Every structure is written in structure tokens, then in C-alpha cells.
């Protein structure tokens, strides 16, 4: 099933977290579902999923939003990968990244978790860190604000003006990976300023 991709948007469940910086991965997956006209439904793996294609003739995708909290995202991701028989190389995780400036998107395959507990758990549960990621820049917190508090706050009014274009860029990065592989996507998205 080389053409099947599991695209996971990380975040926290519930309306209270929906606009948080930590939930930007789920926001990107929502954009992808809208593009493909796909509808989410509950899955026994503890997630909501939407199956289909992002464009006619494109690879098949399963878009997923784990129903667990960020720090234990790995369980649902690993269960979905097993259920749909998707190897780690085709598990694409979209997540927030403190170490990238707000309004920037980067593509990465493998490597460490950089202190991101959701990525740490996904890597542990998949048994490997070797899977593609779309890292959505949220920037560092201002002043001495604790990063753990910063990621659980909604985007600022100023950020919300730019957020739609950031989500579109991140969704484009996902489509670039699904259509042409991570290397081509890295060449396209990681060269930007």
C-alpha cells in the first residue's frame, strides 16, 4: 500500500484547546479535509479519521486527529498505523514547533523530538523516529513566559491575521510530501526565509 498515507494532526481534545498554538497540527488536517471534501468520523483507535484523496487521482490518505492529549498521542497513531497497515515512512505527523519562527513551515524526516512530548510519544509507540513531519512554526514565547503555558494559549490577534496563510502553507507541505516524497518537499519548503 505504498500510495496510502496516514496524516496525523497533533493537538489536544476538546473545544477549550481548539484555538491553542499546540493544536495547529489539527488545524492543518482540517484544512486538508476541507480541500478534499472529506468528513471525519470516530475510529476505534481513539481518533477521528477522514479517508479519501486530497485531489482526483492523488494518493489515498487517512487524515487523523487523535482524541488523546498531546503527550500521549503515540497510542492512537500507532493503532491507526497498524489498522491501516501504514509503515512509519508513510506516517506523516503535523505539529507545532517552538524552534521555528511563527509563519514558517519546515519538513523533516526522523531525528529527535526537540522536547516536543507529542513527537516523543509517537516515536516511542511507532518504535522509530524515522517518519516524515511537517513542523509548523509558532515561535518562542515572549520574555520569560513558560513554553508549556505558551503552547496552551490561543494565537494572538496579530497572529490570527496570518494564521490562515500559515495553515495553507502547511497543508501544501503535506500535499507535497504525499505527492512527491519528503525530499522534494524539503527542497521546496526548507529553502524559504
N, C-alpha and C. Protein backbone atom coordinates (compact mmCIF):
# COMPACT_ATOMS: atom_id res chain seq x y z
N UNK A 1 0.83 -1.20 0.00
CA UNK A 1 0.00 0.00 0.00
C UNK A 1 0.87 1.25 0.00
N UNK A 2 1.79 1.33 -0.93
CA UNK A 2 2.71 2.46 -0.97
C UNK A 2 2.00 3.79 -1.15
N UNK A 3 0.80 3.75 -1.75
CA UNK A 3 0.14 5.02 -2.03
C UNK A 3 -0.75 5.47 -0.88
N UNK A 4 -0.80 4.74 0.23
CA UNK A 4 -1.64 5.13 1.36
C UNK A 4 -0.80 5.86 2.40
N UNK A 5 -1.25 7.05 2.78
CA UNK A 5 -0.58 7.87 3.79
C UNK A 5 -1.51 8.08 4.98
N UNK A 6 -0.94 7.98 6.17
CA UNK A 6 -1.63 8.35 7.39
C UNK A 6 -1.10 9.72 7.78
N UNK A 7 -1.96 10.73 7.71
CA UNK A 7 -1.57 12.11 8.01
C UNK A 7 -2.22 12.48 9.34
N UNK A 8 -1.38 12.69 10.36
CA UNK A 8 -1.87 12.92 11.71
C UNK A 8 -1.61 14.36 12.14
N UNK A 9 -2.65 15.05 12.56
CA UNK A 9 -2.50 16.38 13.14
C UNK A 9 -2.52 16.28 14.64
N UNK A 10 -1.41 16.67 15.29
CA UNK A 10 -1.35 16.57 16.75
C UNK A 10 -2.05 17.76 17.40
N UNK A 11 -2.56 17.53 18.60
CA UNK A 11 -3.23 18.56 19.37
C UNK A 11 -3.84 17.96 20.62
N UNK A 12 -4.65 18.73 21.29
CA UNK A 12 -5.37 18.28 22.48
C UNK A 12 -6.86 18.25 22.17
N UNK A 13 -7.61 17.34 22.81
CA UNK A 13 -9.04 17.22 22.51
C UNK A 13 -9.87 18.29 23.23
N UNK A 14 -11.00 18.61 22.67
CA UNK A 14 -11.96 19.49 23.33
C UNK A 14 -11.91 20.92 22.82
N UNK A 15 -13.06 21.57 22.92
CA UNK A 15 -13.18 22.94 22.40
C UNK A 15 -12.29 23.93 23.13
N UNK A 16 -11.99 23.67 24.40
CA UNK A 16 -11.15 24.58 25.18
C UNK A 16 -9.74 24.70 24.64
N UNK A 17 -9.29 23.69 23.88
CA UNK A 17 -7.94 23.69 23.33
C UNK A 17 -7.90 24.02 21.83
N UNK A 18 -9.07 24.07 21.20
CA UNK A 18 -9.14 24.11 19.74
C UNK A 18 -8.32 25.23 19.10
N UNK A 19 -8.25 26.41 19.72
CA UNK A 19 -7.52 27.53 19.13
C UNK A 19 -6.11 27.69 19.64
N UNK A 20 -5.66 26.74 20.47
CA UNK A 20 -4.30 26.82 21.04
C UNK A 20 -3.22 26.62 19.99
N UNK A 21 -2.06 27.21 20.25
CA UNK A 21 -0.90 27.01 19.36
C UNK A 21 -0.56 25.52 19.24
N UNK A 22 -0.72 24.79 20.35
CA UNK A 22 -0.40 23.36 20.37
C UNK A 22 -1.30 22.57 19.42
N UNK A 23 -2.43 23.15 19.01
CA UNK A 23 -3.38 22.43 18.16
C UNK A 23 -3.25 22.78 16.68
N UNK A 24 -2.18 23.46 16.30
CA UNK A 24 -2.05 23.88 14.92
C UNK A 24 -1.98 22.68 13.97
N UNK A 25 -1.46 21.55 14.43
CA UNK A 25 -1.43 20.35 13.59
C UNK A 25 -2.82 19.89 13.21
N UNK A 26 -3.74 19.93 14.18
CA UNK A 26 -5.12 19.55 13.88
C UNK A 26 -5.78 20.56 12.96
N UNK A 27 -5.43 21.84 13.12
CA UNK A 27 -5.98 22.87 12.23
C UNK A 27 -5.57 22.60 10.78
N UNK A 28 -4.33 22.17 10.58
CA UNK A 28 -3.84 21.87 9.23
C UNK A 28 -4.61 20.69 8.63
N UNK A 29 -4.84 19.66 9.44
CA UNK A 29 -5.57 18.49 8.96
C UNK A 29 -7.01 18.88 8.60
N UNK A 30 -7.59 19.82 9.34
CA UNK A 30 -8.93 20.32 8.98
C UNK A 30 -8.92 21.00 7.60
N UNK A 31 -7.86 21.78 7.33
CA UNK A 31 -7.73 22.42 6.01
C UNK A 31 -7.66 21.36 4.92
N UNK A 32 -6.88 20.30 5.16
CA UNK A 32 -6.75 19.23 4.18
C UNK A 32 -8.08 18.52 3.95
N UNK A 33 -8.83 18.28 5.02
CA UNK A 33 -10.14 17.63 4.88
C UNK A 33 -11.07 18.50 4.05
N UNK A 34 -11.05 19.81 4.30
CA UNK A 34 -11.88 20.72 3.51
C UNK A 34 -11.49 20.68 2.04
N UNK A 35 -10.19 20.68 1.76
CA UNK A 35 -9.72 20.63 0.37
C UNK A 35 -10.23 19.39 -0.35
N UNK A 36 -10.17 18.27 0.35
CA UNK A 36 -10.56 17.00 -0.27
C UNK A 36 -12.04 16.69 -0.16
N UNK A 37 -12.79 17.56 0.53
CA UNK A 37 -14.21 17.28 0.75
C UNK A 37 -14.42 16.04 1.60
N UNK A 38 -13.51 15.81 2.56
CA UNK A 38 -13.54 14.61 3.40
C UNK A 38 -14.18 14.92 4.75
N UNK A 39 -14.88 13.94 5.29
CA UNK A 39 -15.59 14.10 6.55
C UNK A 39 -15.00 13.18 7.62
N UNK A 40 -14.80 13.73 8.80
CA UNK A 40 -14.25 12.94 9.91
C UNK A 40 -15.33 12.08 10.55
N UNK A 41 -14.90 10.89 10.99
CA UNK A 41 -15.78 10.01 11.76
C UNK A 41 -14.94 9.35 12.85
N UNK A 42 -15.60 8.89 13.89
CA UNK A 42 -14.89 8.25 15.01
C UNK A 42 -14.27 6.94 14.57
N UNK A 43 -13.11 6.63 15.15
CA UNK A 43 -12.42 5.38 14.88
C UNK A 43 -12.09 4.71 16.20
N UNK A 44 -12.11 3.39 16.22
CA UNK A 44 -11.89 2.65 17.46
C UNK A 44 -10.49 2.85 18.04
N UNK A 45 -9.58 3.43 17.27
CA UNK A 45 -8.21 3.67 17.76
C UNK A 45 -8.15 4.90 18.67
N UNK A 46 -9.28 5.53 18.93
CA UNK A 46 -9.28 6.70 19.79
C UNK A 46 -8.90 7.96 19.03
N UNK A 47 -9.46 8.08 17.83
CA UNK A 47 -9.18 9.24 16.97
C UNK A 47 -10.40 9.46 16.09
N UNK A 48 -10.42 10.61 15.43
CA UNK A 48 -11.37 10.80 14.34
C UNK A 48 -10.56 10.75 13.06
N UNK A 49 -11.13 10.12 12.04
CA UNK A 49 -10.41 9.95 10.78
C UNK A 49 -11.30 10.34 9.60
N UNK A 50 -10.64 10.76 8.53
CA UNK A 50 -11.32 11.04 7.26
C UNK A 50 -10.50 10.37 6.17
N UNK A 51 -11.14 9.52 5.38
CA UNK A 51 -10.44 8.76 4.35
C UNK A 51 -10.82 9.25 2.95
N UNK A 52 -9.84 9.22 2.06
CA UNK A 52 -10.10 9.59 0.68
C UNK A 52 -8.85 10.06 -0.03
N UNK A 53 -9.03 10.98 -0.96
CA UNK A 53 -7.91 11.56 -1.71
C UNK A 53 -8.01 13.07 -1.60
N UNK A 54 -6.85 13.71 -1.56
CA UNK A 54 -6.83 15.16 -1.45
C UNK A 54 -7.12 15.82 -2.79
N UNK A 55 -6.90 15.07 -3.87
CA UNK A 55 -7.22 15.56 -5.22
C UNK A 55 -7.51 14.33 -6.08
N UNK A 56 -8.28 14.48 -7.14
CA UNK A 56 -8.58 13.34 -8.00
C UNK A 56 -7.30 12.69 -8.52
N UNK A 57 -7.22 11.39 -8.41
CA UNK A 57 -6.06 10.66 -8.90
C UNK A 57 -4.86 10.69 -7.97
N UNK A 58 -4.96 11.44 -6.88
CA UNK A 58 -3.85 11.51 -5.92
C UNK A 58 -3.79 10.28 -5.04
N UNK A 59 -2.72 10.17 -4.26
CA UNK A 59 -2.59 9.03 -3.35
C UNK A 59 -3.73 9.02 -2.33
N UNK A 60 -4.04 7.83 -1.84
CA UNK A 60 -5.06 7.70 -0.79
C UNK A 60 -4.48 8.20 0.53
N UNK A 61 -5.30 8.87 1.31
CA UNK A 61 -4.87 9.37 2.62
C UNK A 61 -5.91 9.02 3.68
N UNK A 62 -5.41 8.86 4.88
CA UNK A 62 -6.25 8.80 6.07
C UNK A 62 -5.81 9.99 6.91
N UNK A 63 -6.67 10.99 7.03
CA UNK A 63 -6.40 12.13 7.89
C UNK A 63 -6.87 11.76 9.29
N UNK A 64 -6.07 12.09 10.30
CA UNK A 64 -6.42 11.67 11.66
C UNK A 64 -6.12 12.76 12.67
N UNK A 65 -7.02 12.85 13.67
CA UNK A 65 -6.82 13.71 14.82
C UNK A 65 -7.02 12.83 16.06
N UNK A 66 -5.90 12.53 16.77
CA UNK A 66 -6.04 11.70 17.98
C UNK A 66 -6.98 12.35 18.99
N UNK A 67 -7.73 11.52 19.69
CA UNK A 67 -8.63 12.01 20.73
C UNK A 67 -7.96 12.08 22.08
N UNK A 68 -6.68 11.72 22.13
CA UNK A 68 -5.92 11.74 23.38
C UNK A 68 -5.24 13.10 23.54
N UNK A 69 -4.72 13.34 24.74
CA UNK A 69 -3.95 14.55 24.94
C UNK A 69 -2.60 14.42 24.24
N UNK A 70 -2.03 15.57 23.89
CA UNK A 70 -0.79 15.66 23.12
C UNK A 70 0.29 14.69 23.60
N UNK A 71 0.55 14.68 24.89
CA UNK A 71 1.68 13.91 25.43
C UNK A 71 1.52 12.40 25.29
N UNK A 72 0.31 11.94 24.99
CA UNK A 72 0.08 10.50 24.79
C UNK A 72 -0.54 10.26 23.41
N UNK A 73 -0.10 11.03 22.42
CA UNK A 73 -0.61 10.89 21.05
C UNK A 73 -0.17 9.60 20.39
N UNK A 74 0.93 9.03 20.85
CA UNK A 74 1.51 7.87 20.18
C UNK A 74 0.62 6.66 20.13
N UNK A 75 -0.18 6.44 21.18
CA UNK A 75 -1.06 5.26 21.19
C UNK A 75 -2.01 5.25 20.02
N UNK A 76 -2.83 6.29 19.86
CA UNK A 76 -3.73 6.31 18.71
C UNK A 76 -3.00 6.27 17.36
N UNK A 77 -1.86 6.96 17.27
CA UNK A 77 -1.12 6.97 15.99
C UNK A 77 -0.66 5.56 15.65
N UNK A 78 -0.07 4.86 16.62
CA UNK A 78 0.42 3.50 16.37
C UNK A 78 -0.73 2.55 16.04
N UNK A 79 -1.86 2.70 16.74
CA UNK A 79 -3.02 1.84 16.47
C UNK A 79 -3.55 2.08 15.06
N UNK A 80 -3.61 3.34 14.65
CA UNK A 80 -4.08 3.65 13.29
C UNK A 80 -3.11 3.10 12.24
N UNK A 81 -1.82 3.24 12.50
CA UNK A 81 -0.81 2.73 11.55
C UNK A 81 -0.97 1.22 11.37
N UNK A 82 -1.20 0.52 12.49
CA UNK A 82 -1.40 -0.94 12.40
C UNK A 82 -2.71 -1.27 11.68
N UNK A 83 -3.77 -0.58 12.05
CA UNK A 83 -5.09 -0.86 11.47
C UNK A 83 -5.07 -0.68 9.95
N UNK A 84 -4.47 0.44 9.49
CA UNK A 84 -4.46 0.72 8.06
C UNK A 84 -3.23 0.14 7.35
N UNK A 85 -2.38 -0.56 8.12
CA UNK A 85 -1.16 -1.19 7.57
C UNK A 85 -0.26 -0.17 6.87
N UNK A 86 -0.02 0.94 7.55
CA UNK A 86 0.82 2.01 7.03
C UNK A 86 2.19 1.94 7.73
N UNK A 87 3.29 1.80 6.97
CA UNK A 87 4.61 1.77 7.59
C UNK A 87 4.99 3.17 8.09
N UNK A 88 5.91 3.26 9.06
CA UNK A 88 6.30 4.57 9.58
C UNK A 88 6.71 5.57 8.50
N UNK A 89 7.31 5.11 7.42
CA UNK A 89 7.73 6.03 6.35
C UNK A 89 6.55 6.76 5.71
N UNK A 90 5.33 6.22 5.88
CA UNK A 90 4.13 6.85 5.33
C UNK A 90 3.20 7.41 6.42
N UNK A 91 3.74 7.52 7.64
CA UNK A 91 3.01 8.18 8.72
C UNK A 91 3.54 9.61 8.78
N UNK A 92 2.73 10.56 8.38
CA UNK A 92 3.15 11.96 8.31
C UNK A 92 2.51 12.71 9.47
N UNK A 93 3.34 13.27 10.34
CA UNK A 93 2.84 13.94 11.55
C UNK A 93 3.00 15.45 11.39
N UNK A 94 1.91 16.17 11.62
CA UNK A 94 1.91 17.63 11.54
C UNK A 94 1.82 18.16 12.97
N UNK A 95 2.78 19.04 13.33
CA UNK A 95 2.81 19.51 14.73
C UNK A 95 3.37 20.92 14.84
N UNK A 96 3.11 21.53 15.98
CA UNK A 96 3.63 22.86 16.30
C UNK A 96 5.12 22.75 16.63
N UNK A 97 5.86 23.83 16.35
CA UNK A 97 7.31 23.83 16.60
C UNK A 97 7.75 25.18 17.16
N UNK A 98 8.18 25.17 18.42
CA UNK A 98 8.65 26.39 19.09
C UNK A 98 9.92 26.95 18.46
N UNK A 99 10.77 26.08 17.94
CA UNK A 99 12.08 26.49 17.44
C UNK A 99 12.06 26.99 16.00
N UNK A 100 10.87 27.17 15.46
CA UNK A 100 10.72 27.75 14.12
C UNK A 100 9.86 28.99 14.28
N UNK A 101 10.26 30.07 13.63
CA UNK A 101 9.52 31.32 13.72
C UNK A 101 8.08 31.13 13.29
N UNK A 102 7.18 31.87 13.94
CA UNK A 102 5.78 31.86 13.54
C UNK A 102 5.68 32.20 12.06
N UNK A 103 4.78 31.54 11.37
CA UNK A 103 4.50 31.74 9.95
C UNK A 103 5.53 31.09 9.04
N UNK A 104 6.28 30.11 9.56
CA UNK A 104 7.20 29.34 8.73
C UNK A 104 6.86 27.86 8.87
N UNK A 105 7.12 27.11 7.81
CA UNK A 105 6.85 25.67 7.77
C UNK A 105 8.13 24.98 7.35
N UNK A 106 8.45 23.88 8.01
CA UNK A 106 9.62 23.09 7.66
C UNK A 106 9.23 21.61 7.59
N UNK A 107 9.91 20.89 6.71
CA UNK A 107 9.69 19.46 6.53
C UNK A 107 10.92 18.73 7.06
N UNK A 108 10.69 17.65 7.78
CA UNK A 108 11.78 16.89 8.39
C UNK A 108 11.42 15.42 8.35
N UNK A 109 12.43 14.56 8.22
CA UNK A 109 12.22 13.13 8.36
C UNK A 109 13.16 12.64 9.45
N UNK A 110 12.58 11.99 10.45
CA UNK A 110 13.38 11.41 11.53
C UNK A 110 14.00 12.46 12.43
N UNK A 111 14.96 11.99 13.23
CA UNK A 111 15.64 12.86 14.16
C UNK A 111 14.97 12.86 15.52
N UNK A 112 15.45 13.74 16.36
CA UNK A 112 14.95 13.81 17.73
C UNK A 112 13.61 14.49 17.84
N UNK A 113 13.14 14.58 19.09
CA UNK A 113 11.83 15.18 19.35
C UNK A 113 11.95 16.65 19.75
N UNK A 114 13.14 17.13 20.03
CA UNK A 114 13.33 18.54 20.36
C UNK A 114 12.52 19.02 21.54
N UNK A 115 12.24 18.11 22.48
CA UNK A 115 11.46 18.47 23.65
C UNK A 115 9.95 18.45 23.43
N UNK A 116 9.50 18.08 22.24
CA UNK A 116 8.07 18.02 21.94
C UNK A 116 7.55 16.67 22.42
N UNK A 117 6.73 16.69 23.48
CA UNK A 117 6.29 15.44 24.10
C UNK A 117 5.38 14.62 23.21
N UNK A 118 4.62 15.26 22.34
CA UNK A 118 3.79 14.51 21.40
C UNK A 118 4.64 13.71 20.43
N UNK A 119 5.68 14.35 19.89
CA UNK A 119 6.60 13.66 18.97
C UNK A 119 7.37 12.57 19.71
N UNK A 120 7.77 12.84 20.94
CA UNK A 120 8.47 11.84 21.75
C UNK A 120 7.61 10.57 21.87
N UNK A 121 6.32 10.76 22.17
CA UNK A 121 5.43 9.62 22.38
C UNK A 121 5.14 8.89 21.06
N UNK A 122 4.95 9.64 19.99
CA UNK A 122 4.71 8.99 18.68
C UNK A 122 5.91 8.14 18.30
N UNK A 123 7.12 8.68 18.45
CA UNK A 123 8.33 7.92 18.11
C UNK A 123 8.45 6.66 18.95
N UNK A 124 8.15 6.78 20.25
CA UNK A 124 8.23 5.61 21.15
C UNK A 124 7.22 4.54 20.74
N UNK A 125 6.00 4.96 20.43
CA UNK A 125 4.95 3.99 20.12
C UNK A 125 5.11 3.38 18.73
N UNK A 126 5.67 4.16 17.78
CA UNK A 126 5.93 3.59 16.45
C UNK A 126 7.19 2.73 16.46
N UNK A 127 8.01 2.91 17.49
CA UNK A 127 9.25 2.14 17.60
C UNK A 127 10.38 2.72 16.75
N UNK A 128 10.18 3.92 16.23
CA UNK A 128 11.20 4.58 15.40
C UNK A 128 10.87 6.06 15.29
N UNK A 129 11.90 6.91 15.17
CA UNK A 129 11.65 8.32 14.88
C UNK A 129 11.65 8.61 13.37
N UNK A 130 11.83 7.56 12.57
CA UNK A 130 12.01 7.74 11.12
C UNK A 130 10.67 7.82 10.39
N UNK A 131 10.02 8.95 10.54
CA UNK A 131 8.78 9.22 9.82
C UNK A 131 8.78 10.71 9.46
N UNK A 132 8.09 11.09 8.38
CA UNK A 132 8.09 12.49 7.96
C UNK A 132 7.23 13.36 8.87
N UNK A 133 7.66 14.62 8.98
CA UNK A 133 6.95 15.58 9.82
C UNK A 133 6.84 16.91 9.10
N UNK A 134 5.71 17.55 9.28
CA UNK A 134 5.55 18.94 8.86
C UNK A 134 5.53 19.75 10.16
N UNK A 135 6.55 20.57 10.31
CA UNK A 135 6.74 21.35 11.53
C UNK A 135 6.22 22.76 11.28
N UNK A 136 5.21 23.14 12.02
CA UNK A 136 4.55 24.43 11.83
C UNK A 136 5.07 25.39 12.90
N UNK A 137 5.76 26.43 12.45
CA UNK A 137 6.40 27.35 13.37
C UNK A 137 5.42 28.18 14.17
N UNK A 138 5.58 28.15 15.50
CA UNK A 138 4.77 29.01 16.38
C UNK A 138 5.67 30.00 17.12
N UNK A 139 7.00 29.88 16.95
CA UNK A 139 7.92 30.82 17.59
C UNK A 139 8.07 30.57 19.08
N UNK A 140 9.02 31.27 19.67
CA UNK A 140 9.29 31.16 21.11
C UNK A 140 8.38 32.11 21.88
N UNK A 141 8.09 31.78 23.14
CA UNK A 141 7.27 32.68 23.96
C UNK A 141 8.02 33.98 24.26
N UNK A 142 7.27 35.07 24.41
CA UNK A 142 7.91 36.35 24.72
C UNK A 142 8.42 36.37 26.16
N UNK A 143 9.49 37.11 26.37
CA UNK A 143 10.01 37.31 27.73
C UNK A 143 10.34 36.00 28.42
N UNK A 144 9.88 35.89 29.64
CA UNK A 144 10.18 34.70 30.45
C UNK A 144 9.00 33.74 30.53
N UNK A 145 8.05 33.89 29.63
CA UNK A 145 6.87 33.01 29.66
C UNK A 145 7.29 31.56 29.47
N UNK A 146 6.71 30.69 30.27
CA UNK A 146 7.00 29.26 30.21
C UNK A 146 6.48 28.70 28.87
N UNK A 147 7.34 27.99 28.13
CA UNK A 147 6.88 27.41 26.86
C UNK A 147 5.65 26.52 27.03
N UNK A 148 5.55 25.80 28.15
CA UNK A 148 4.40 24.93 28.37
C UNK A 148 3.10 25.73 28.45
N UNK A 149 3.16 26.94 29.02
CA UNK A 149 1.98 27.80 29.06
C UNK A 149 1.71 28.42 27.70
N UNK A 150 2.79 28.80 27.02
CA UNK A 150 2.68 29.47 25.72
C UNK A 150 1.95 28.61 24.71
N UNK A 151 2.29 27.32 24.63
CA UNK A 151 1.68 26.45 23.62
C UNK A 151 0.20 26.19 23.91
N UNK A 152 -0.22 26.38 25.16
CA UNK A 152 -1.62 26.15 25.53
C UNK A 152 -2.45 27.43 25.49
N UNK A 153 -1.91 28.47 24.90
CA UNK A 153 -2.65 29.72 24.72
C UNK A 153 -3.07 29.83 23.25
N UNK A 154 -4.17 30.52 23.03
CA UNK A 154 -4.62 30.76 21.66
C UNK A 154 -3.64 31.70 20.95
N UNK A 155 -3.65 31.66 19.64
CA UNK A 155 -2.85 32.59 18.86
C UNK A 155 -3.31 34.01 19.17
N UNK A 156 -2.37 34.95 19.15
CA UNK A 156 -2.70 36.36 19.39
C UNK A 156 -3.54 36.90 18.24
N UNK A 157 -4.16 38.06 18.47
CA UNK A 157 -4.97 38.69 17.41
C UNK A 157 -4.11 38.95 16.18
N UNK A 158 -2.89 39.41 16.39
CA UNK A 158 -2.00 39.68 15.25
C UNK A 158 -1.66 38.39 14.51
N UNK A 159 -1.36 37.32 15.28
CA UNK A 159 -1.05 36.02 14.65
C UNK A 159 -2.26 35.47 13.89
N UNK A 160 -3.45 35.69 14.43
CA UNK A 160 -4.65 35.15 13.77
C UNK A 160 -4.88 35.76 12.40
N UNK A 161 -4.35 36.95 12.17
CA UNK A 161 -4.48 37.55 10.83
C UNK A 161 -3.64 36.78 9.81
N UNK A 162 -2.52 36.22 10.25
CA UNK A 162 -1.60 35.50 9.35
C UNK A 162 -1.86 34.00 9.36
N UNK A 163 -2.54 33.53 10.41
CA UNK A 163 -2.73 32.08 10.60
C UNK A 163 -3.31 31.37 9.38
N UNK A 164 -4.34 31.91 8.71
CA UNK A 164 -4.87 31.18 7.55
C UNK A 164 -3.82 30.87 6.49
N UNK A 165 -2.92 31.81 6.21
CA UNK A 165 -1.89 31.55 5.19
C UNK A 165 -0.88 30.53 5.70
N UNK A 166 -0.59 30.54 7.00
CA UNK A 166 0.32 29.54 7.58
C UNK A 166 -0.28 28.14 7.45
N UNK A 167 -1.58 28.02 7.73
CA UNK A 167 -2.25 26.72 7.62
C UNK A 167 -2.25 26.23 6.17
N UNK A 168 -2.45 27.14 5.23
CA UNK A 168 -2.41 26.78 3.81
C UNK A 168 -1.01 26.31 3.42
N UNK A 169 0.02 27.02 3.87
CA UNK A 169 1.40 26.60 3.58
C UNK A 169 1.69 25.21 4.13
N UNK A 170 1.25 24.96 5.36
CA UNK A 170 1.49 23.65 5.98
C UNK A 170 0.71 22.56 5.25
N UNK A 171 -0.52 22.86 4.85
CA UNK A 171 -1.30 21.88 4.08
C UNK A 171 -0.63 21.61 2.73
N UNK A 172 -0.09 22.67 2.11
CA UNK A 172 0.65 22.49 0.85
C UNK A 172 1.86 21.58 1.06
N UNK A 173 2.55 21.73 2.21
CA UNK A 173 3.71 20.89 2.51
C UNK A 173 3.29 19.43 2.65
N UNK A 174 2.16 19.19 3.30
CA UNK A 174 1.65 17.81 3.42
C UNK A 174 1.39 17.25 2.03
N UNK A 175 0.71 18.02 1.19
CA UNK A 175 0.40 17.54 -0.16
C UNK A 175 1.68 17.29 -0.96
N UNK A 176 2.68 18.13 -0.77
CA UNK A 176 3.96 17.95 -1.48
C UNK A 176 4.62 16.64 -1.07
N UNK A 177 4.55 16.30 0.21
CA UNK A 177 5.13 15.03 0.68
C UNK A 177 4.35 13.85 0.10
N UNK A 178 3.03 13.91 0.21
CA UNK A 178 2.18 12.82 -0.25
C UNK A 178 2.36 12.61 -1.76
N UNK A 179 2.48 13.70 -2.52
CA UNK A 179 2.57 13.61 -3.98
C UNK A 179 3.98 13.27 -4.48
N UNK A 180 5.02 13.84 -3.83
CA UNK A 180 6.36 13.69 -4.39
C UNK A 180 7.43 13.19 -3.44
N UNK A 181 7.04 12.92 -2.20
CA UNK A 181 8.00 12.43 -1.23
C UNK A 181 8.62 13.55 -0.40
N UNK A 182 9.19 13.19 0.75
CA UNK A 182 9.72 14.19 1.68
C UNK A 182 10.88 15.01 1.12
N UNK A 183 11.74 14.41 0.32
CA UNK A 183 12.92 15.14 -0.15
C UNK A 183 12.52 16.32 -1.02
N UNK A 184 11.62 16.10 -1.96
CA UNK A 184 11.16 17.19 -2.81
C UNK A 184 10.48 18.27 -1.98
N UNK A 185 9.71 17.85 -0.97
CA UNK A 185 9.03 18.82 -0.10
C UNK A 185 10.05 19.62 0.72
N UNK A 186 11.11 18.95 1.20
CA UNK A 186 12.15 19.65 1.94
C UNK A 186 12.81 20.71 1.06
N UNK A 187 13.11 20.34 -0.17
CA UNK A 187 13.75 21.28 -1.09
C UNK A 187 12.86 22.49 -1.34
N UNK A 188 11.57 22.28 -1.36
CA UNK A 188 10.64 23.38 -1.62
C UNK A 188 10.40 24.25 -0.39
N UNK A 189 10.15 23.63 0.76
CA UNK A 189 9.72 24.39 1.94
C UNK A 189 10.86 24.81 2.86
N UNK A 190 11.96 24.08 2.88
CA UNK A 190 13.02 24.41 3.82
C UNK A 190 13.97 25.48 3.30
N UNK A 191 13.81 25.90 2.05
CA UNK A 191 14.65 26.94 1.48
C UNK A 191 14.12 28.34 1.73
N UNK A 192 12.87 28.40 2.21
CA UNK A 192 12.25 29.71 2.41
C UNK A 192 12.91 30.44 3.57
N UNK A 193 12.80 31.77 3.54
CA UNK A 193 13.45 32.63 4.53
C UNK A 193 13.04 32.47 5.95
